Amino acid sequence: MKRTALVTGATGGLGEQFVRRLVREDLDEIWVIARNKDKLAELRKKYGKKIRPVSCDLSSEKELARLGEMIEKEQPDIRILVNNAGTGEWGPYSDLAAYKAARMIDLNCKAVALMCTAAIPFMRRGSRILNISSASSFQPTPYINLYAATKVFVRSFTRSLSVELRDKGIICTAVCPGWIDTDMLPREKNGRKIKYPAIVSPARVAAQALKDSAKGKEMSVCTLFVKYEHLLGKVMPDKFIMKLWIKGIKDLI
């Protein structure tokens, strides 16, 4: 069986950084999973023969089922699964279109769970699952409330799954970064540049996540700033945290 890694959302900034590092690992194949066939082909050209492009819209239950059937048919030795695919929207929830809300839930929650369902039967001791959550999962987060709620799901699901799979030797890590310097972040509003506190590169987040996963950690929290946010979310009332959050994003709303 081929020693295989699966990376969803592989063509994005963070996803590609995982791919770049996994190419160096003792793996036979890396399934790079995303919708855009041209960008997937670029990854193959850039990172070489280990890359296997897999075009799939993970927000579609039909396409997820097709991917699951593909895994079941080929029965790879899945050493690493990175559930990175996700989407988010800024602004009041009342402005969020229903189809965007549904897609966010499908991609950020359902796809993560079903990718784990498909992969776990083909994982063995030492295999690792990295599910990308967010620092926004540490407390209620107005103006990205649905996105943050989906990331609460990811963090809770991953940590409890870690306990369930411990006896099998499969490591599950919830990756909880703060602001990441990717195309997901708006750069300006009304002609003014937006500043993000303690923003980090996707390369740093991916490197820390893989390091923490290799150590068997249930959570990967990159930078002292985000660790402070995590602690604050534990000890301070949610109302206080939400006031701080709204003050911090005043340039975005």
C-alpha atoms as a PDB file:
ATOM      1  CA  MET A   1       0.000   0.000   0.000  1.00  0.00           C
ATOM      2  CA  LYS A   2       1.160   3.500  -0.764  1.00  0.00           C
ATOM      3  CA  ARG A   3       2.059   5.685   2.189  1.00  0.00           C
ATOM      4  CA  THR A   4      -0.306   8.574   1.573  1.00  0.00           C
ATOM      5  CA  ALA A   5      -1.170  12.034   2.876  1.00  0.00           C
ATOM      6  CA  LEU A   6      -4.462  13.774   2.109  1.00  0.00           C
ATOM      7  CA  VAL A   7      -4.657  17.575   2.170  1.00  0.00           C
ATOM      8  CA  THR A   8      -7.961  19.361   1.557  1.00  0.00           C
ATOM      9  CA  GLY A   9      -8.026  23.000   0.531  1.00  0.00           C
ATOM     10  CA  ALA A  10      -4.551  22.292  -0.834  1.00  0.00           C
ATOM     11  CA  THR A  11      -4.393  25.207  -3.273  1.00  0.00           C
ATOM     12  CA  GLY A  12      -4.880  27.896  -0.599  1.00  0.00           C
ATOM     13  CA  GLY A  13      -2.107  29.650   1.297  1.00  0.00           C
ATOM     14  CA  LEU A  14      -2.144  27.404   4.368  1.00  0.00           C
ATOM     15  CA  GLY A  15      -2.974  24.251   2.420  1.00  0.00           C
ATOM     16  CA  GLU A  16      -0.022  24.706   0.078  1.00  0.00           C
ATOM     17  CA  GLN A  17       2.308  25.203   3.035  1.00  0.00           C
ATOM     18  CA  PHE A  18       1.256  21.816   4.382  1.00  0.00           C
ATOM     19  CA  VAL A  19       1.888  20.300   0.946  1.00  0.00           C
ATOM     20  CA  ARG A  20       5.329  21.930   0.725  1.00  0.00           C
ATOM     21  CA  ARG A  21       6.354  20.301   4.007  1.00  0.00           C
ATOM     22  CA  LEU A  22       4.754  16.933   3.397  1.00  0.00           C
ATOM     23  CA  VAL A  23       6.657  16.518   0.125  1.00  0.00           C
ATOM     24  CA  ARG A  24       9.776  16.129   2.285  1.00  0.00           C
ATOM     25  CA  GLU A  25       8.212  13.357   4.381  1.00  0.00           C
ATOM     26  CA  ASP A  26       8.549   9.614   3.799  1.00  0.00           C
ATOM     27  CA  LEU A  27       5.397   9.408   1.705  1.00  0.00           C
ATOM     28  CA  ASP A  28       4.635   7.867  -1.667  1.00  0.00           C
ATOM     29  CA  GLU A  29       1.688  10.098  -2.580  1.00  0.00           C
ATOM     30  CA  ILE A  30       0.074  13.322  -1.471  1.00  0.00           C
ATOM     31  CA  TRP A  31      -3.527  13.690  -2.560  1.00  0.00           C
ATOM     32  CA  VAL A  32      -4.061  17.417  -3.015  1.00  0.00           C
ATOM     33  CA  ILE A  33      -7.808  18.012  -2.855  1.00  0.00           C
ATOM     34  CA  ALA A  34      -9.539  21.198  -4.035  1.00  0.00           C
ATOM     35  CA  ARG A  35     -12.018  22.423  -6.653  1.00  0.00           C
ATOM     36  CA  ASN A  36      -9.760  24.290  -9.081  1.00  0.00           C
ATOM     37  CA  LYS A  37      -8.177  21.845 -11.538  1.00  0.00           C
ATOM     38  CA  ASP A  38      -5.739  24.407 -12.921  1.00  0.00           C
ATOM     39  CA  LYS A  39      -4.376  25.247  -9.475  1.00  0.00           C
ATOM     40  CA  LEU A  40      -4.109  21.555  -8.651  1.00  0.00           C
ATOM     41  CA  ALA A  41      -2.094  21.029 -11.835  1.00  0.00           C
ATOM     42  CA  GLU A  42       0.189  23.881 -10.771  1.00  0.00           C
ATOM     43  CA  LEU A  43       0.856  22.105  -7.460  1.00  0.00           C
ATOM     44  CA  ARG A  44       1.823  18.940  -9.353  1.00  0.00           C
ATOM     45  CA  LYS A  45       4.167  20.927 -11.574  1.00  0.00           C
ATOM     46  CA  LYS A  46       5.671  22.780  -8.617  1.00  0.00           C
ATOM     47  CA  TYR A  47       6.149  19.902  -6.154  1.00  0.00           C
ATOM     48  CA  GLY A  48       6.668  16.894  -8.379  1.00  0.00           C
ATOM     49  CA  LYS A  49       5.608  13.309  -8.848  1.00  0.00           C
ATOM     50  CA  LYS A  50       4.408  12.706  -5.274  1.00  0.00           C
ATOM     51  CA  ILE A  51       1.517  15.076  -5.918  1.00  0.00           C
ATOM     52  CA  ARG A  52      -1.773  13.554  -6.985  1.00  0.00           C
ATOM     53  CA  PRO A  53      -4.387  16.162  -7.918  1.00  0.00           C
ATOM     54  CA  VAL A  54      -7.938  15.295  -6.849  1.00  0.00           C
ATOM     55  CA  SER A  55     -10.617  17.733  -7.980  1.00  0.00           C
ATOM     56  CA  CYS A  56     -13.522  17.726  -5.536  1.00  0.00           C
ATOM     57  CA  ASP A  57     -16.038  20.225  -4.179  1.00  0.00           C
ATOM     58  CA  LEU A  58     -16.084  19.192  -0.530  1.00  0.00           C
ATOM     59  CA  SER A  59     -19.254  21.181   0.127  1.00  0.00           C
ATOM     60  CA  SER A  60     -21.098  18.707  -2.122  1.00  0.00           C
ATOM     61  CA  GLU A  61     -22.255  15.532  -0.369  1.00  0.00           C
ATOM     62  CA  LYS A  62     -22.270  13.741  -3.730  1.00  0.00           C
ATOM     63  CA  GLU A  63     -18.646  14.620  -4.456  1.00  0.00           C
ATOM     64  CA  LEU A  64     -17.616  13.761  -0.894  1.00  0.00           C
ATOM     65  CA  ALA A  65     -19.198  10.337  -1.380  1.00  0.00           C
ATOM     66  CA  ARG A  66     -17.286   9.918  -4.647  1.00  0.00           C
ATOM     67  CA  LEU A  67     -14.028  10.751  -2.873  1.00  0.00           C
ATOM     68  CA  GLY A  68     -14.870   8.283  -0.103  1.00  0.00           C
ATOM     69  CA  GLU A  69     -15.473   5.574  -2.719  1.00  0.00           C
ATOM     70  CA  MET A  70     -12.120   6.396  -4.311  1.00  0.00           C
ATOM     71  CA  ILE A  71     -10.350   5.960  -0.968  1.00  0.00           C
ATOM     72  CA  GLU A  72     -12.173   2.699  -0.271  1.00  0.00           C
ATOM     73  CA  LYS A  73     -11.302   1.328  -3.704  1.00  0.00           C
ATOM     74  CA  GLU A  74      -7.594   2.175  -3.551  1.00  0.00           C
ATOM     75  CA  GLN A  75      -7.142   1.460   0.181  1.00  0.00           C
ATOM     76  CA  PRO A  76      -4.083   3.675   0.677  1.00  0.00           C
ATOM     77  CA  ASP A  77      -2.005   3.594   3.841  1.00  0.00           C
ATOM     78  CA  ILE A  78      -3.118   6.997   5.076  1.00  0.00           C
ATOM     79  CA  ARG A  79      -0.401   8.406   7.282  1.00  0.00           C
ATOM     80  CA  ILE A  80      -1.604  12.022   7.450  1.00  0.00           C
ATOM     81  CA  LEU A  81      -4.950  13.709   6.862  1.00  0.00           C
ATOM     82  CA  VAL A  82      -5.051  17.514   6.861  1.00  0.00           C
ATOM     83  CA  ASN A  83      -8.590  18.914   6.822  1.00  0.00           C
ATOM     84  CA  ASN A  84      -7.777  22.461   5.787  1.00  0.00           C
ATOM     85  CA  ALA A  85     -10.620  23.329   3.395  1.00  0.00           C
ATOM     86  CA  GLY A  86     -12.887  26.011   4.788  1.00  0.00           C
ATOM     87  CA  THR A  87     -14.660  29.267   4.116  1.00  0.00           C
ATOM     88  CA  GLY A  88     -15.798  32.309   6.083  1.00  0.00           C
ATOM     89  CA  GLU A  89     -17.706  35.557   5.728  1.00  0.00           C
ATOM     90  CA  TRP A  90     -17.377  38.887   7.539  1.00  0.00           C
ATOM     91  CA  GLY A  91     -20.298  41.040   8.574  1.00  0.00           C
ATOM     92  CA  PRO A  92     -23.655  40.937  10.380  1.00  0.00           C
ATOM     93  CA  TYR A  93     -25.322  37.560  10.256  1.00  0.00           C
ATOM     94  CA  SER A  94     -28.486  39.224   8.913  1.00  0.00           C
ATOM     95  CA  ASP A  95     -26.521  40.074   5.751  1.00  0.00           C
ATOM     96  CA  LEU A  96     -25.340  36.494   5.173  1.00  0.00           C
ATOM     97  CA  ALA A  97     -27.096  34.785   2.258  1.00  0.00           C
ATOM     98  CA  ALA A  98     -28.666  31.430   3.066  1.00  0.00           C
ATOM     99  CA  TYR A  99     -26.674  29.563   0.410  1.00  0.00           C
ATOM    100  CA  LYS A 100     -23.409  30.949   1.840  1.00  0.00           C
ATOM    101  CA  ALA A 101     -24.391  29.933   5.361  1.00  0.00           C
ATOM    102  CA  ALA A 102     -25.246  26.421   4.160  1.00  0.00           C
ATOM    103  CA  ARG A 103     -21.973  26.097   2.251  1.00  0.00           C
ATOM    104  CA  MET A 104     -19.988  27.259   5.280  1.00  0.00           C
ATOM    105  CA  ILE A 105     -21.549  24.585   7.463  1.00  0.00           C
ATOM    106  CA  ASP A 106     -21.113  21.904   4.799  1.00  0.00           C
ATOM    107  CA  LEU A 107     -17.477  22.733   4.106  1.00  0.00           C
ATOM    108  CA  ASN A 108     -16.276  23.647   7.589  1.00  0.00           C
ATOM    109  CA  CYS A 109     -18.146  20.914   9.512  1.00  0.00           C
ATOM    110  CA  LYS A 110     -19.654  18.157   7.391  1.00  0.00           C
ATOM    111  CA  ALA A 111     -16.621  17.774   5.114  1.00  0.00           C
ATOM    112  CA  VAL A 112     -14.251  17.537   8.094  1.00  0.00           C
ATOM    113  CA  ALA A 113     -16.330  14.824   9.750  1.00  0.00           C
ATOM    114  CA  LEU A 114     -16.879  12.819   6.562  1.00  0.00           C
ATOM    115  CA  MET A 115     -13.224  13.014   5.517  1.00  0.00           C
ATOM    116  CA  CYS A 116     -12.354  11.511   8.896  1.00  0.00           C
ATOM    117  CA  THR A 117     -15.016   8.842   8.388  1.00  0.00           C
ATOM    118  CA  ALA A 118     -13.493   7.919   5.030  1.00  0.00           C
ATOM    119  CA  ALA A 119      -9.859   8.004   6.153  1.00  0.00           C
ATOM    120  CA  ILE A 120      -9.826   6.384   9.617  1.00  0.00           C
ATOM    121  CA  PRO A 121     -10.390   2.791   8.379  1.00  0.00           C
ATOM    122  CA  PHE A 122      -7.163   3.153   6.376  1.00  0.00           C
ATOM    123  CA  MET A 123      -5.069   4.657   9.180  1.00  0.00           C
ATOM    124  CA  ARG A 124      -2.878   2.729  11.592  1.00  0.00           C
ATOM    125  CA  ARG A 125      -0.740   3.373  14.636  1.00  0.00           C
ATOM    126  CA  GLY A 126       1.269   6.545  14.144  1.00  0.00           C
ATOM    127  CA  SER A 127      -1.139   8.046  11.616  1.00  0.00           C
ATOM    128  CA  ARG A 128      -2.169  11.658  12.205  1.00  0.00           C
ATOM    129  CA  ILE A 129      -5.232  13.826  11.635  1.00  0.00           C
ATOM    130  CA  LEU A 130      -4.885  17.615  11.631  1.00  0.00           C
ATOM    131  CA  ASN A 131      -8.168  19.509  11.545  1.00  0.00           C
ATOM    132  CA  ILE A 132      -7.893  23.262  11.049  1.00  0.00           C
ATOM    133  CA  SER A 133      -9.946  25.102  13.655  1.00  0.00           C
ATOM    134  CA  SER A 134      -9.281  28.690  14.730  1.00  0.00           C
ATOM    135  CA  ALA A 135      -8.595  30.952  17.691  1.00  0.00           C
ATOM    136  CA  SER A 136     -12.141  32.191  17.045  1.00  0.00           C
ATOM    137  CA  SER A 137     -13.308  28.902  18.576  1.00  0.00           C
ATOM    138  CA  PHE A 138     -12.154  30.051  22.025  1.00  0.00           C
ATOM    139  CA  GLN A 139     -15.163  32.324  22.632  1.00  0.00           C
ATOM    140  CA  PRO A 140     -18.307  33.688  20.899  1.00  0.00           C
ATOM    141  CA  THR A 141     -17.206  35.935  18.055  1.00  0.00           C
ATOM    142  CA  PRO A 142     -19.694  38.505  16.684  1.00  0.00           C
ATOM    143  CA  TYR A 143     -19.594  39.420  12.997  1.00  0.00           C
ATOM    144  CA  ILE A 144     -18.010  36.090  12.088  1.00  0.00           C
ATOM    145  CA  ASN A 145     -20.337  34.191  14.384  1.00  0.00           C
ATOM    146  CA  LEU A 146     -21.238  31.293  12.067  1.00  0.00           C
ATOM    147  CA  TYR A 147     -17.634  30.803  10.960  1.00  0.00           C
ATOM    148  CA  ALA A 148     -16.502  30.818  14.597  1.00  0.00           C
ATOM    149  CA  ALA A 149     -19.254  28.369  15.549  1.00  0.00           C
ATOM    150  CA  THR A 150     -18.130  25.950  12.830  1.00  0.00           C
ATOM    151  CA  LYS A 151     -14.607  26.146  14.224  1.00  0.00           C
ATOM    152  CA  VAL A 152     -15.937  25.359  17.715  1.00  0.00           C
ATOM    153  CA  PHE A 153     -17.362  22.202  16.160  1.00  0.00           C
ATOM    154  CA  VAL A 154     -14.008  21.334  14.597  1.00  0.00           C
ATOM    155  CA  ARG A 155     -12.088  21.829  17.839  1.00  0.00           C
ATOM    156  CA  SER A 156     -14.562  19.870  19.966  1.00  0.00           C
ATOM    157  CA  PHE A 157     -14.919  17.084  17.407  1.00  0.00           C
ATOM    158  CA  THR A 158     -11.152  16.736  17.024  1.00  0.00           C
ATOM    159  CA  ARG A 159     -10.323  16.692  20.720  1.00  0.00           C
ATOM    160  CA  SER A 160     -12.971  14.101  21.532  1.00  0.00           C
ATOM    161  CA  LEU A 161     -11.949  12.019  18.509  1.00  0.00           C
ATOM    162  CA  SER A 162      -8.385  12.130  19.816  1.00  0.00           C
ATOM    163  CA  VAL A 163      -9.513  10.386  22.998  1.00  0.00           C
ATOM    164  CA  GLU A 164     -11.498   7.771  21.086  1.00  0.00           C
ATOM    165  CA  LEU A 165      -8.595   6.911  18.761  1.00  0.00           C
ATOM    166  CA  ARG A 166      -5.852   6.975  21.387  1.00  0.00           C
ATOM    167  CA  ASP A 167      -5.813   3.196  21.858  1.00  0.00           C
ATOM    168  CA  LYS A 168      -5.374   2.766  18.096  1.00  0.00           C
ATOM    169  CA  GLY A 169      -2.369   5.091  18.156  1.00  0.00           C
ATOM    170  CA  ILE A 170      -3.956   7.616  15.794  1.00  0.00           C
ATOM    171  CA  ILE A 171      -3.155  11.211  16.735  1.00  0.00           C
ATOM    172  CA  CYS A 172      -5.768  13.956  16.252  1.00  0.00           C
ATOM    173  CA  THR A 173      -4.774  17.606  16.508  1.00  0.00           C
ATOM    174  CA  ALA A 174      -7.039  20.658  16.382  1.00  0.00           C
ATOM    175  CA  VAL A 175      -5.027  23.488  14.831  1.00  0.00           C
ATOM    176  CA  CYS A 176      -6.127  26.841  16.269  1.00  0.00           C
ATOM    177  CA  PRO A 177      -4.311  29.751  14.602  1.00  0.00           C
ATOM    178  CA  GLY A 178      -5.058  33.436  14.966  1.00  0.00           C
ATOM    179  CA  TRP A 179      -4.805  35.844  12.041  1.00  0.00           C
ATOM    180  CA  ILE A 180      -3.049  34.178   9.079  1.00  0.00           C
ATOM    181  CA  ASP A 181      -1.659  36.217   6.205  1.00  0.00           C
ATOM    182  CA  THR A 182      -3.728  34.654   3.400  1.00  0.00           C
ATOM    183  CA  ASP A 183      -6.193  35.798   0.753  1.00  0.00           C
ATOM    184  CA  MET A 184      -9.108  35.045   3.105  1.00  0.00           C
ATOM    185  CA  LEU A 185      -8.489  38.302   4.976  1.00  0.00           C
ATOM    186  CA  PRO A 186      -9.830  41.599   3.594  1.00  0.00           C
ATOM    187  CA  ARG A 187      -6.968  44.086   3.218  1.00  0.00           C
ATOM    188  CA  GLU A 188      -8.785  47.396   3.224  1.00  0.00           C
ATOM    189  CA  LYS A 189     -12.146  48.991   3.815  1.00  0.00           C
ATOM    190  CA  ASN A 190     -13.303  52.397   2.568  1.00  0.00           C
ATOM    191  CA  GLY A 191      -9.792  53.049   1.284  1.00  0.00           C
ATOM    192  CA  ARG A 192      -8.134  52.346   4.649  1.00  0.00           C
ATOM    193  CA  LYS A 193      -5.682  49.514   5.174  1.00  0.00           C
ATOM    194  CA  ILE A 194      -6.716  47.004   7.826  1.00  0.00           C
ATOM    195  CA  LYS A 195      -4.200  46.005  10.472  1.00  0.00           C
ATOM    196  CA  TYR A 196      -4.372  42.578  12.105  1.00  0.00           C
ATOM    197  CA  PRO A 197      -2.731  42.038  15.496  1.00  0.00           C
ATOM    198  CA  ALA A 198      -0.031  39.355  15.666  1.00  0.00           C
ATOM    199  CA  ILE A 199      -0.662  38.199  12.086  1.00  0.00           C
ATOM    200  CA  VAL A 200       1.556  35.276  11.074  1.00  0.00           C
ATOM    201  CA  SER A 201       2.540  33.571   7.840  1.00  0.00           C
ATOM    202  CA  PRO A 202       0.815  30.364   6.749  1.00  0.00           C
ATOM    203  CA  ALA A 203       4.273  28.750   6.649  1.00  0.00           C
ATOM    204  CA  ARG A 204       4.694  29.293  10.381  1.00  0.00           C
ATOM    205  CA  VAL A 205       1.258  27.884  11.205  1.00  0.00           C
ATOM    206  CA  ALA A 206       1.791  24.756   9.069  1.00  0.00           C
ATOM    207  CA  ALA A 207       5.239  24.123  10.541  1.00  0.00           C
ATOM    208  CA  GLN A 208       3.977  24.483  14.121  1.00  0.00           C
ATOM    209  CA  ALA A 209       0.939  22.316  13.438  1.00  0.00           C
ATOM    210  CA  LEU A 210       2.986  19.434  12.015  1.00  0.00           C
ATOM    211  CA  LYS A 211       5.472  19.722  14.873  1.00  0.00           C
ATOM    212  CA  ASP A 212       2.728  19.643  17.520  1.00  0.00           C
ATOM    213  CA  SER A 213       0.976  16.780  15.772  1.00  0.00           C
ATOM    214  CA  ALA A 214       4.185  14.748  15.700  1.00  0.00           C
ATOM    215  CA  LYS A 215       4.401  15.268  19.472  1.00  0.00           C
ATOM    216  CA  GLY A 216       0.877  13.913  19.909  1.00  0.00           C
ATOM    217  CA  LYS A 217      -0.728  17.175  21.017  1.00  0.00           C
ATOM    218  CA  GLU A 218      -4.525  17.518  20.886  1.00  0.00           C
ATOM    219  CA  MET A 219      -4.247  21.224  20.080  1.00  0.00           C
ATOM    220  CA  SER A 220      -1.757  23.326  18.168  1.00  0.00           C
ATOM    221  CA  VAL A 221      -1.721  26.980  19.199  1.00  0.00           C
ATOM    222  CA  CYS A 222       0.758  29.094  17.259  1.00  0.00           C
ATOM    223  CA  THR A 223       2.332  32.196  18.902  1.00  0.00           C
ATOM    224  CA  LEU A 224       2.215  33.517  22.451  1.00  0.00           C
ATOM    225  CA  PHE A 225      -0.483  36.002  21.446  1.00  0.00           C
ATOM    226  CA  VAL A 226      -2.926  33.219  20.547  1.00  0.00           C
ATOM    227  CA  LYS A 227      -1.984  31.265  23.668  1.00  0.00           C
ATOM    228  CA  TYR A 228      -2.883  34.384  25.646  1.00  0.00           C
ATOM    229  CA  GLU A 229      -6.231  34.561  23.804  1.00  0.00           C
ATOM    230  CA  HIS A 230      -6.873  30.926  24.712  1.00  0.00           C
ATOM    231  CA  LEU A 231      -6.142  31.603  28.383  1.00  0.00           C
ATOM    232  CA  LEU A 232      -8.286  34.747  28.348  1.00  0.00           C
ATOM    233  CA  GLY A 233     -11.181  32.776  26.889  1.00  0.00           C
ATOM    234  CA  LYS A 234     -10.960  30.354  29.796  1.00  0.00           C
ATOM    235  CA  VAL A 235     -10.821  32.847  32.664  1.00  0.00           C
ATOM    236  CA  MET A 236     -12.806  35.893  31.516  1.00  0.00           C
ATOM    237  CA  PRO A 237     -16.592  36.217  30.970  1.00  0.00           C
ATOM    238  CA  ASP A 238     -17.745  35.874  27.367  1.00  0.00           C
ATOM    239  CA  LYS A 239     -19.387  39.325  27.434  1.00  0.00           C
ATOM    240  CA  PHE A 240     -16.069  40.947  28.310  1.00  0.00           C
ATOM    241  CA  ILE A 241     -14.218  39.025  25.591  1.00  0.00           C
ATOM    242  CA  MET A 242     -16.849  39.963  23.005  1.00  0.00           C
ATOM    243  CA  LYS A 243     -16.488  43.664  23.868  1.00  0.00           C
ATOM    244  CA  LEU A 244     -12.718  43.407  23.380  1.00  0.00           C
ATOM    245  CA  TRP A 245     -13.252  41.584  20.103  1.00  0.00           C
ATOM    246  CA  ILE A 246     -15.678  44.194  18.724  1.00  0.00           C
ATOM    247  CA  LYS A 247     -13.301  46.978  19.695  1.00  0.00           C
ATOM    248  CA  GLY A 248     -10.459  45.163  17.921  1.00  0.00           C
ATOM    249  CA  ILE A 249     -12.341  44.703  14.638  1.00  0.00           C
ATOM    250  CA  LYS A 250     -13.912  48.166  14.430  1.00  0.00           C
ATOM    251  CA  ASP A 251     -12.133  48.753  11.103  1.00  0.00           C
ATOM    252  CA  LEU A 252     -13.773  45.680   9.616  1.00  0.00           C
ATOM    253  CA  ILE A 253     -17.451  46.282  10.460  1.00  0.00           C
END
